[in-house]
Amino acid sequence: MDPPLRFAMVTTFYPPYSFGGDGIFVHRLANELARRGHHVTLIHSADAYSFLAGREPAGSYDDHPNITVHALRSGFSPLSLLVSHQTGRPALYAAELRRLLGDDFDVIHYHNVSLVGGPGVLAMGRALKLYTMHEYWLGCPTHALFRFNRAPCAARFCALCSLSYGRPPQWWRYTGILEAAVRQVDLFLAPSRFLEKKHSAAWPQTEKSEARSQNVGHSGLALREPSLTPGRRRVPGVYGGLGDLPHLAASPRPKREIVAARKETKI
């Protein structure tokens, strides 16, 4: 049996600081990995939920003992969120994120990073890096790809469209910040083939992608253990491993080496 891996997961929302959706997905994935003996460090923005909801969350969620949760709070939540939204960088979270992601992780798995550092957080840390595209944020500032909140986007009017959603335009999207940041990611994961095709057609920087069905039941995740390829150790559950799915066979950076559970392994 392989020794356990150390995962870091970075996301804006995590229960109970979550509106559902991707937050629930990450919660179930993290807990299933922990249940299988892996160690998960979960980093999310408490500021984002509290500001958008206008209150602290009611109730609580249970996490496996192998999960350590770090809720980021700047003390200046509106300012921190606005600066990150407008610059595409971690802003007031930068020092804490550098400290947390500077740990010796085997895998860093990014989810919705829109208000927890934007594209700037993708360059932090040294590990195998995965990014799950839960929606269209990489190419659409509203996340929805729904132009002027009226119809599917067929032509890009991003600044005006953002204003129609009541959000300030993100001028960093007209620079090279995003293109440079996504080069730090080894593999992009899509919950559906439709979402994968939309990203690869509109945003070629996500061409290192795999489509994975999203089938998260209330009883947890159904992770399938893969057979091992000689000379490589496969990483369990890094896709979310939902349903009858294959696992990661090789990183798009085949020469990259990481230290996985006290031994050097090529992935």
C-alpha atoms as a PDB file:
ATOM      1  CA  MET A   1       0.000   0.000   0.000  1.00  0.00           C
ATOM      2  CA  ASP A   2       1.273   3.476  -0.898  1.00  0.00           C
ATOM      3  CA  PRO A   3       1.969   5.878   1.970  1.00  0.00           C
ATOM      4  CA  PRO A   4      -0.455   8.805   2.326  1.00  0.00           C
ATOM      5  CA  LEU A   5      -0.110  12.008   0.329  1.00  0.00           C
ATOM      6  CA  ARG A   6      -0.331  15.602   1.510  1.00  0.00           C
ATOM      7  CA  PHE A   7      -2.919  17.675  -0.346  1.00  0.00           C
ATOM      8  CA  ALA A   8      -3.574  21.410  -0.247  1.00  0.00           C
ATOM      9  CA  MET A   9      -6.911  22.623  -1.577  1.00  0.00           C
ATOM     10  CA  VAL A  10      -7.450  26.304  -2.336  1.00  0.00           C
ATOM     11  CA  THR A  11     -10.970  27.605  -2.857  1.00  0.00           C
ATOM     12  CA  THR A  12     -13.019  30.719  -2.165  1.00  0.00           C
ATOM     13  CA  PHE A  13     -15.920  28.941  -0.445  1.00  0.00           C
ATOM     14  CA  TYR A  14     -15.892  26.002   1.967  1.00  0.00           C
ATOM     15  CA  PRO A  15     -18.714  24.915   4.284  1.00  0.00           C
ATOM     16  CA  PRO A  16     -20.101  26.432   6.348  1.00  0.00           C
ATOM     17  CA  TYR A  17     -18.704  29.490   4.537  1.00  0.00           C
ATOM     18  CA  SER A  18     -20.370  28.391   1.330  1.00  0.00           C
ATOM     19  CA  PHE A  19     -23.502  28.897  -0.750  1.00  0.00           C
ATOM     20  CA  GLY A  20     -23.436  25.256  -1.901  1.00  0.00           C
ATOM     21  CA  GLY A  21     -22.185  24.096  -5.307  1.00  0.00           C
ATOM     22  CA  ASP A  22     -18.398  24.007  -5.504  1.00  0.00           C
ATOM     23  CA  GLY A  23     -18.082  24.363  -1.722  1.00  0.00           C
ATOM     24  CA  ILE A  24     -20.003  21.120  -1.172  1.00  0.00           C
ATOM     25  CA  PHE A  25     -17.977  19.425  -3.918  1.00  0.00           C
ATOM     26  CA  VAL A  26     -14.684  20.369  -2.263  1.00  0.00           C
ATOM     27  CA  HIS A  27     -15.958  19.355   1.182  1.00  0.00           C
ATOM     28  CA  ARG A  28     -16.888  15.854  -0.008  1.00  0.00           C
ATOM     29  CA  LEU A  29     -13.699  15.402  -1.999  1.00  0.00           C
ATOM     30  CA  ALA A  30     -11.490  16.521   0.894  1.00  0.00           C
ATOM     31  CA  ASN A  31     -13.278  14.279   3.380  1.00  0.00           C
ATOM     32  CA  GLU A  32     -13.123  11.218   1.136  1.00  0.00           C
ATOM     33  CA  LEU A  33      -9.384  11.702   0.612  1.00  0.00           C
ATOM     34  CA  ALA A  34      -8.955  12.095   4.367  1.00  0.00           C
ATOM     35  CA  ARG A  35     -11.038   9.003   5.023  1.00  0.00           C
ATOM     36  CA  ARG A  36      -8.630   7.063   2.800  1.00  0.00           C
ATOM     37  CA  GLY A  37      -5.699   8.115   4.945  1.00  0.00           C
ATOM     38  CA  HIS A  38      -4.416  11.196   3.102  1.00  0.00           C
ATOM     39  CA  HIS A  39      -3.810  14.557   4.790  1.00  0.00           C
ATOM     40  CA  VAL A  40      -5.643  17.610   3.469  1.00  0.00           C
ATOM     41  CA  THR A  41      -4.983  21.282   4.200  1.00  0.00           C
ATOM     42  CA  LEU A  42      -8.000  23.334   3.167  1.00  0.00           C
ATOM     43  CA  ILE A  43      -7.549  27.074   2.516  1.00  0.00           C
ATOM     44  CA  HIS A  44     -10.593  29.284   1.878  1.00  0.00           C
ATOM     45  CA  SER A  45     -11.785  32.866   2.297  1.00  0.00           C
ATOM     46  CA  ALA A  46     -14.101  33.428   5.250  1.00  0.00           C
ATOM     47  CA  ASP A  47     -14.187  37.093   4.204  1.00  0.00           C
ATOM     48  CA  ALA A  48     -15.785  36.293   0.840  1.00  0.00           C
ATOM     49  CA  TYR A  49     -18.782  34.459   2.258  1.00  0.00           C
ATOM     50  CA  SER A  50     -19.330  36.847   5.166  1.00  0.00           C
ATOM     51  CA  PHE A  51     -19.238  39.895   2.891  1.00  0.00           C
ATOM     52  CA  LEU A  52     -21.463  38.475   0.142  1.00  0.00           C
ATOM     53  CA  ALA A  53     -23.963  36.884   2.538  1.00  0.00           C
ATOM     54  CA  GLY A  54     -23.942  39.873   4.871  1.00  0.00           C
ATOM     55  CA  ARG A  55     -23.628  37.606   7.895  1.00  0.00           C
ATOM     56  CA  GLU A  56     -21.673  34.790   9.463  1.00  0.00           C
ATOM     57  CA  PRO A  57     -22.822  31.279   8.506  1.00  0.00           C
ATOM     58  CA  ALA A  58     -25.432  29.492  10.584  1.00  0.00           C
ATOM     59  CA  GLY A  59     -24.639  25.931  11.609  1.00  0.00           C
ATOM     60  CA  SER A  60     -21.464  23.983  11.041  1.00  0.00           C
ATOM     61  CA  TYR A  61     -19.966  21.127   9.025  1.00  0.00           C
ATOM     62  CA  ASP A  62     -17.954  18.214  10.310  1.00  0.00           C
ATOM     63  CA  ASP A  63     -14.531  17.426   8.842  1.00  0.00           C
ATOM     64  CA  HIS A  64     -12.400  14.322   9.115  1.00  0.00           C
ATOM     65  CA  PRO A  65      -9.531  14.563  11.643  1.00  0.00           C
ATOM     66  CA  ASN A  66      -7.031  14.409   8.748  1.00  0.00           C
ATOM     67  CA  ILE A  67      -8.306  17.760   7.461  1.00  0.00           C
ATOM     68  CA  THR A  68      -6.878  21.080   8.650  1.00  0.00           C
ATOM     69  CA  VAL A  69      -8.956  24.118   7.664  1.00  0.00           C
ATOM     70  CA  HIS A  70      -7.479  27.618   7.348  1.00  0.00           C
ATOM     71  CA  ALA A  71     -10.122  30.340   6.978  1.00  0.00           C
ATOM     72  CA  LEU A  72      -8.516  33.509   5.628  1.00  0.00           C
ATOM     73  CA  ARG A  73      -9.572  36.786   7.267  1.00  0.00           C
ATOM     74  CA  SER A  74      -7.885  40.063   6.448  1.00  0.00           C
ATOM     75  CA  GLY A  75      -9.638  42.286   8.972  1.00  0.00           C
ATOM     76  CA  PHE A  76     -10.552  44.549   6.029  1.00  0.00           C
ATOM     77  CA  SER A  77     -12.790  42.187   4.066  1.00  0.00           C
ATOM     78  CA  PRO A  78     -14.406  44.636   1.581  1.00  0.00           C
ATOM     79  CA  LEU A  79     -11.027  46.179   0.735  1.00  0.00           C
ATOM     80  CA  SER A  80      -9.234  42.828   0.514  1.00  0.00           C
ATOM     81  CA  LEU A  81     -11.871  41.323  -1.774  1.00  0.00           C
ATOM     82  CA  LEU A  82     -12.021  44.414  -3.989  1.00  0.00           C
ATOM     83  CA  VAL A  83      -8.238  44.601  -4.419  1.00  0.00           C
ATOM     84  CA  SER A  84      -8.004  40.893  -5.231  1.00  0.00           C
ATOM     85  CA  HIS A  85     -10.950  41.139  -7.660  1.00  0.00           C
ATOM     86  CA  GLN A  86      -9.432  44.136  -9.427  1.00  0.00           C
ATOM     87  CA  THR A  87      -5.764  43.118  -9.525  1.00  0.00           C
ATOM     88  CA  GLY A  88      -5.989  39.337  -9.947  1.00  0.00           C
ATOM     89  CA  ARG A  89      -3.570  38.920  -7.046  1.00  0.00           C
ATOM     90  CA  PRO A  90      -3.897  37.735  -3.424  1.00  0.00           C
ATOM     91  CA  ALA A  91      -3.468  41.259  -2.069  1.00  0.00           C
ATOM     92  CA  LEU A  92      -3.966  41.228   1.715  1.00  0.00           C
ATOM     93  CA  TYR A  93      -3.935  37.416   1.753  1.00  0.00           C
ATOM     94  CA  ALA A  94      -0.530  37.145   0.054  1.00  0.00           C
ATOM     95  CA  ALA A  95       1.683  36.665   3.116  1.00  0.00           C
ATOM     96  CA  GLU A  96      -0.599  34.064   4.705  1.00  0.00           C
ATOM     97  CA  LEU A  97      -1.025  32.156   1.426  1.00  0.00           C
ATOM     98  CA  ARG A  98       2.743  32.089   0.851  1.00  0.00           C
ATOM     99  CA  ARG A  99       3.228  30.726   4.349  1.00  0.00           C
ATOM    100  CA  LEU A 100       0.562  28.044   4.028  1.00  0.00           C
ATOM    101  CA  LEU A 101       1.426  26.926   0.490  1.00  0.00           C
ATOM    102  CA  GLY A 102       5.135  26.980   1.279  1.00  0.00           C
ATOM    103  CA  ASP A 103       4.635  23.733   3.164  1.00  0.00           C
ATOM    104  CA  ASP A 104       5.814  20.428   1.687  1.00  0.00           C
ATOM    105  CA  PHE A 105       2.707  19.307  -0.218  1.00  0.00           C
ATOM    106  CA  ASP A 106       2.531  16.552  -2.819  1.00  0.00           C
ATOM    107  CA  VAL A 107      -0.513  18.002  -4.611  1.00  0.00           C
ATOM    108  CA  ILE A 108      -2.032  21.494  -4.679  1.00  0.00           C
ATOM    109  CA  HIS A 109      -5.588  21.382  -6.007  1.00  0.00           C
ATOM    110  CA  TYR A 110      -7.168  24.716  -6.957  1.00  0.00           C
ATOM    111  CA  HIS A 111     -10.914  25.149  -7.229  1.00  0.00           C
ATOM    112  CA  ASN A 112     -12.770  28.488  -7.304  1.00  0.00           C
ATOM    113  CA  VAL A 113      -9.929  30.933  -6.616  1.00  0.00           C
ATOM    114  CA  SER A 114     -11.761  34.067  -7.747  1.00  0.00           C
ATOM    115  CA  LEU A 115     -11.730  35.802  -4.326  1.00  0.00           C
ATOM    116  CA  VAL A 116      -8.938  33.896  -2.620  1.00  0.00           C
ATOM    117  CA  GLY A 117      -6.090  35.222  -4.722  1.00  0.00           C
ATOM    118  CA  GLY A 118      -7.263  35.094  -8.329  1.00  0.00           C
ATOM    119  CA  PRO A 119      -4.736  33.942 -10.924  1.00  0.00           C
ATOM    120  CA  GLY A 120      -1.896  35.177  -8.710  1.00  0.00           C
ATOM    121  CA  VAL A 121      -2.366  32.296  -6.268  1.00  0.00           C
ATOM    122  CA  LEU A 122      -1.636  29.709  -8.982  1.00  0.00           C
ATOM    123  CA  ALA A 123       2.073  30.550  -8.852  1.00  0.00           C
ATOM    124  CA  MET A 124       2.347  29.872  -5.119  1.00  0.00           C
ATOM    125  CA  GLY A 125       3.721  26.630  -3.747  1.00  0.00           C
ATOM    126  CA  ARG A 126       5.750  23.814  -5.290  1.00  0.00           C
ATOM    127  CA  ALA A 127       3.854  20.579  -5.949  1.00  0.00           C
ATOM    128  CA  LEU A 128       1.874  18.844  -8.641  1.00  0.00           C
ATOM    129  CA  LYS A 129      -0.818  21.444  -9.445  1.00  0.00           C
ATOM    130  CA  LEU A 130      -4.386  20.691 -10.464  1.00  0.00           C
ATOM    131  CA  TYR A 131      -7.241  23.076 -11.226  1.00  0.00           C
ATOM    132  CA  THR A 132     -10.906  22.025 -11.320  1.00  0.00           C
ATOM    133  CA  MET A 133     -12.940  24.295 -13.602  1.00  0.00           C
ATOM    134  CA  HIS A 134     -16.253  24.294 -11.746  1.00  0.00           C
ATOM    135  CA  GLU A 135     -17.569  27.047 -14.014  1.00  0.00           C
ATOM    136  CA  TYR A 136     -16.263  29.576 -16.585  1.00  0.00           C
ATOM    137  CA  TRP A 137     -14.338  31.990 -14.376  1.00  0.00           C
ATOM    138  CA  LEU A 138     -11.024  31.495 -16.198  1.00  0.00           C
ATOM    139  CA  GLY A 139     -12.492  33.203 -19.252  1.00  0.00           C
ATOM    140  CA  CYS A 140     -15.612  34.926 -17.938  1.00  0.00           C
ATOM    141  CA  PRO A 141     -15.571  37.510 -15.129  1.00  0.00           C
ATOM    142  CA  THR A 142     -19.218  36.727 -14.242  1.00  0.00           C
ATOM    143  CA  HIS A 143     -18.471  32.965 -14.030  1.00  0.00           C
ATOM    144  CA  ALA A 144     -21.680  32.261 -15.983  1.00  0.00           C
ATOM    145  CA  LEU A 145     -20.858  32.824 -19.682  1.00  0.00           C
ATOM    146  CA  PHE A 146     -24.321  34.376 -19.957  1.00  0.00           C
ATOM    147  CA  ARG A 147     -24.088  37.696 -21.765  1.00  0.00           C
ATOM    148  CA  PHE A 148     -25.813  40.635 -20.036  1.00  0.00           C
ATOM    149  CA  ASN A 149     -27.633  38.017 -17.938  1.00  0.00           C
ATOM    150  CA  ARG A 150     -29.938  37.443 -20.909  1.00  0.00           C
ATOM    151  CA  ALA A 151     -28.515  34.864 -23.312  1.00  0.00           C
ATOM    152  CA  PRO A 152     -25.555  32.499 -23.798  1.00  0.00           C
ATOM    153  CA  CYS A 153     -22.400  34.410 -24.629  1.00  0.00           C
ATOM    154  CA  ALA A 154     -21.686  34.400 -28.362  1.00  0.00           C
ATOM    155  CA  ALA A 155     -19.535  37.555 -28.503  1.00  0.00           C
ATOM    156  CA  ARG A 156     -17.343  39.045 -25.824  1.00  0.00           C
ATOM    157  CA  PHE A 157     -18.323  42.370 -24.268  1.00  0.00           C
ATOM    158  CA  CYS A 158     -16.824  41.562 -20.877  1.00  0.00           C
ATOM    159  CA  ALA A 159     -16.566  45.056 -19.394  1.00  0.00           C
ATOM    160  CA  LEU A 160     -20.150  46.017 -20.231  1.00  0.00           C
ATOM    161  CA  CYS A 161     -21.414  42.585 -19.274  1.00  0.00           C
ATOM    162  CA  SER A 162     -19.735  42.817 -15.859  1.00  0.00           C
ATOM    163  CA  LEU A 163     -21.445  46.151 -15.262  1.00  0.00           C
ATOM    164  CA  SER A 164     -24.805  44.584 -16.130  1.00  0.00           C
ATOM    165  CA  TYR A 165     -24.193  42.124 -13.283  1.00  0.00           C
ATOM    166  CA  GLY A 166     -23.387  44.992 -10.928  1.00  0.00           C
ATOM    167  CA  ARG A 167     -19.668  44.176 -10.837  1.00  0.00           C
ATOM    168  CA  PRO A 168     -16.696  46.381 -11.759  1.00  0.00           C
ATOM    169  CA  PRO A 169     -14.771  45.255 -14.858  1.00  0.00           C
ATOM    170  CA  GLN A 170     -11.597  43.270 -14.195  1.00  0.00           C
ATOM    171  CA  TRP A 171      -8.977  45.149 -16.178  1.00  0.00           C
ATOM    172  CA  TRP A 172      -6.279  42.586 -15.330  1.00  0.00           C
ATOM    173  CA  ARG A 173      -8.009  40.268 -17.806  1.00  0.00           C
ATOM    174  CA  TYR A 174      -6.653  42.507 -20.582  1.00  0.00           C
ATOM    175  CA  THR A 175      -3.050  41.909 -19.482  1.00  0.00           C
ATOM    176  CA  GLY A 176      -0.956  38.753 -19.523  1.00  0.00           C
ATOM    177  CA  ILE A 177      -1.510  37.842 -15.856  1.00  0.00           C
ATOM    178  CA  LEU A 178      -3.900  34.958 -16.502  1.00  0.00           C
ATOM    179  CA  GLU A 179      -1.875  33.476 -19.359  1.00  0.00           C
ATOM    180  CA  ALA A 180       1.272  33.437 -17.212  1.00  0.00           C
ATOM    181  CA  ALA A 181      -0.555  32.012 -14.193  1.00  0.00           C
ATOM    182  CA  VAL A 182      -2.176  29.048 -15.942  1.00  0.00           C
ATOM    183  CA  ARG A 183       1.233  27.852 -17.114  1.00  0.00           C
ATOM    184  CA  GLN A 184       1.852  26.949 -13.480  1.00  0.00           C
ATOM    185  CA  VAL A 185      -0.956  24.366 -13.570  1.00  0.00           C
ATOM    186  CA  ASP A 186      -0.117  20.801 -14.573  1.00  0.00           C
ATOM    187  CA  LEU A 187      -3.645  19.669 -15.366  1.00  0.00           C
ATOM    188  CA  PHE A 188      -7.067  21.271 -15.680  1.00  0.00           C
ATOM    189  CA  LEU A 189     -10.083  19.177 -14.698  1.00  0.00           C
ATOM    190  CA  ALA A 190     -13.621  19.682 -16.012  1.00  0.00           C
ATOM    191  CA  PRO A 191     -16.758  18.224 -14.393  1.00  0.00           C
ATOM    192  CA  SER A 192     -18.280  17.669 -17.876  1.00  0.00           C
ATOM    193  CA  ARG A 193     -17.180  17.302 -21.494  1.00  0.00           C
ATOM    194  CA  PHE A 194     -19.285  20.331 -22.422  1.00  0.00           C
ATOM    195  CA  LEU A 195     -17.378  22.538 -20.007  1.00  0.00           C
ATOM    196  CA  GLU A 196     -14.058  21.093 -21.183  1.00  0.00           C
ATOM    197  CA  LYS A 197     -14.911  21.826 -24.837  1.00  0.00           C
ATOM    198  CA  LYS A 198     -16.044  25.382 -24.087  1.00  0.00           C
ATOM    199  CA  HIS A 199     -12.791  26.107 -22.271  1.00  0.00           C
ATOM    200  CA  SER A 200     -10.484  24.527 -24.833  1.00  0.00           C
ATOM    201  CA  ALA A 201     -12.240  26.282 -27.729  1.00  0.00           C
ATOM    202  CA  ALA A 202     -12.332  29.756 -26.171  1.00  0.00           C
ATOM    203  CA  TRP A 203      -9.254  29.630 -23.951  1.00  0.00           C
ATOM    204  CA  PRO A 204      -6.433  27.483 -25.409  1.00  0.00           C
ATOM    205  CA  GLN A 205      -4.380  27.962 -22.242  1.00  0.00           C
ATOM    206  CA  THR A 206      -6.540  25.219 -20.671  1.00  0.00           C
ATOM    207  CA  GLU A 207      -5.677  22.648 -23.340  1.00  0.00           C
ATOM    208  CA  LYS A 208      -4.070  20.466 -20.630  1.00  0.00           C
ATOM    209  CA  SER A 209      -7.515  19.337 -19.548  1.00  0.00           C
ATOM    210  CA  GLU A 210      -9.463  16.199 -18.746  1.00  0.00           C
ATOM    211  CA  ALA A 211     -13.249  15.861 -18.595  1.00  0.00           C
ATOM    212  CA  ARG A 212     -14.614  14.130 -15.526  1.00  0.00           C
ATOM    213  CA  SER A 213     -18.282  13.541 -14.714  1.00  0.00           C
ATOM    214  CA  GLN A 214     -19.514  15.114 -11.492  1.00  0.00           C
ATOM    215  CA  ASN A 215     -21.408  12.509  -9.489  1.00  0.00           C
ATOM    216  CA  VAL A 216     -21.206  13.397  -5.827  1.00  0.00           C
ATOM    217  CA  GLY A 217     -23.707  11.489  -3.722  1.00  0.00           C
ATOM    218  CA  HIS A 218     -24.713  12.339  -0.182  1.00  0.00           C
ATOM    219  CA  SER A 219     -22.930   9.207   0.983  1.00  0.00           C
ATOM    220  CA  GLY A 220     -19.609  10.541  -0.273  1.00  0.00           C
ATOM    221  CA  LEU A 221     -17.368  10.004  -3.280  1.00  0.00           C
ATOM    222  CA  ALA A 222     -16.875   6.780  -5.146  1.00  0.00           C
ATOM    223  CA  LEU A 223     -13.133   6.729  -5.708  1.00  0.00           C
ATOM    224  CA  ARG A 224     -11.730   3.892  -7.767  1.00  0.00           C
ATOM    225  CA  GLU A 225      -8.254   2.646  -6.969  1.00  0.00           C
ATOM    226  CA  PRO A 226      -6.174   2.432 -10.179  1.00  0.00           C
ATOM    227  CA  SER A 227      -3.686  -0.210 -11.120  1.00  0.00           C
ATOM    228  CA  LEU A 228      -0.101   0.997 -10.973  1.00  0.00           C
ATOM    229  CA  THR A 229       2.086   1.647 -13.982  1.00  0.00           C
ATOM    230  CA  PRO A 230       5.719   0.544 -13.463  1.00  0.00           C
ATOM    231  CA  GLY A 231       7.881   3.501 -12.474  1.00  0.00           C
ATOM    232  CA  ARG A 232       4.957   5.764 -11.639  1.00  0.00           C
ATOM    233  CA  ARG A 233       2.783   6.244  -8.635  1.00  0.00           C
ATOM    234  CA  ARG A 234      -0.730   7.384  -9.400  1.00  0.00           C
ATOM    235  CA  VAL A 235      -2.440   9.965  -7.263  1.00  0.00           C
ATOM    236  CA  PRO A 236      -5.812   8.832  -5.873  1.00  0.00           C
ATOM    237  CA  GLY A 237      -8.754  11.173  -5.877  1.00  0.00           C
ATOM    238  CA  VAL A 238      -7.070  14.205  -7.372  1.00  0.00           C
ATOM    239  CA  TYR A 239      -9.734  14.422 -10.067  1.00  0.00           C
ATOM    240  CA  GLY A 240     -12.399  14.257  -7.485  1.00  0.00           C
ATOM    241  CA  GLY A 241     -12.414  10.622  -8.639  1.00  0.00           C
ATOM    242  CA  LEU A 242     -16.181  10.710  -9.017  1.00  0.00           C
ATOM    243  CA  GLY A 243     -17.947   7.565 -10.122  1.00  0.00           C
ATOM    244  CA  ASP A 244     -16.365   5.157 -12.601  1.00  0.00           C
ATOM    245  CA  LEU A 245     -13.376   7.242 -13.561  1.00  0.00           C
ATOM    246  CA  PRO A 246      -9.738   6.655 -14.412  1.00  0.00           C
ATOM    247  CA  HIS A 247      -7.031   8.369 -12.378  1.00  0.00           C
ATOM    248  CA  LEU A 248      -4.066  10.536 -13.155  1.00  0.00           C
ATOM    249  CA  ALA A 249      -1.583   8.574 -15.263  1.00  0.00           C
ATOM    250  CA  ALA A 250       0.966  11.276 -16.057  1.00  0.00           C
ATOM    251  CA  SER A 251       1.407  14.973 -15.579  1.00  0.00           C
ATOM    252  CA  PRO A 252       1.734  17.156 -18.708  1.00  0.00           C
ATOM    253  CA  ARG A 253       5.177  17.894 -17.221  1.00  0.00           C
ATOM    254  CA  PRO A 254       6.521  14.317 -17.396  1.00  0.00           C
ATOM    255  CA  LYS A 255       9.972  15.237 -16.100  1.00  0.00           C
ATOM    256  CA  ARG A 256       8.649  16.987 -13.044  1.00  0.00           C
ATOM    257  CA  GLU A 257       9.461  15.217  -9.811  1.00  0.00           C
ATOM    258  CA  ILE A 258       7.789  15.696  -6.469  1.00  0.00           C
ATOM    259  CA  VAL A 259       8.467  14.229  -3.086  1.00  0.00           C
ATOM    260  CA  ALA A 260       5.462  12.042  -2.312  1.00  0.00           C
ATOM    261  CA  ALA A 261       5.217  10.599   1.173  1.00  0.00           C
ATOM    262  CA  ARG A 262       8.931  10.569   1.888  1.00  0.00           C
ATOM    263  CA  LYS A 263      10.051   9.096  -1.438  1.00  0.00           C
ATOM    264  CA  GLU A 264      10.878  10.675  -4.776  1.00  0.00           C
ATOM    265  CA  THR A 265       8.320   9.709  -7.400  1.00  0.00           C
ATOM    266  CA  LYS A 266       7.808  10.654 -11.022  1.00  0.00           C
ATOM    267  CA  ILE A 267       4.139  11.340 -11.765  1.00  0.00           C
END
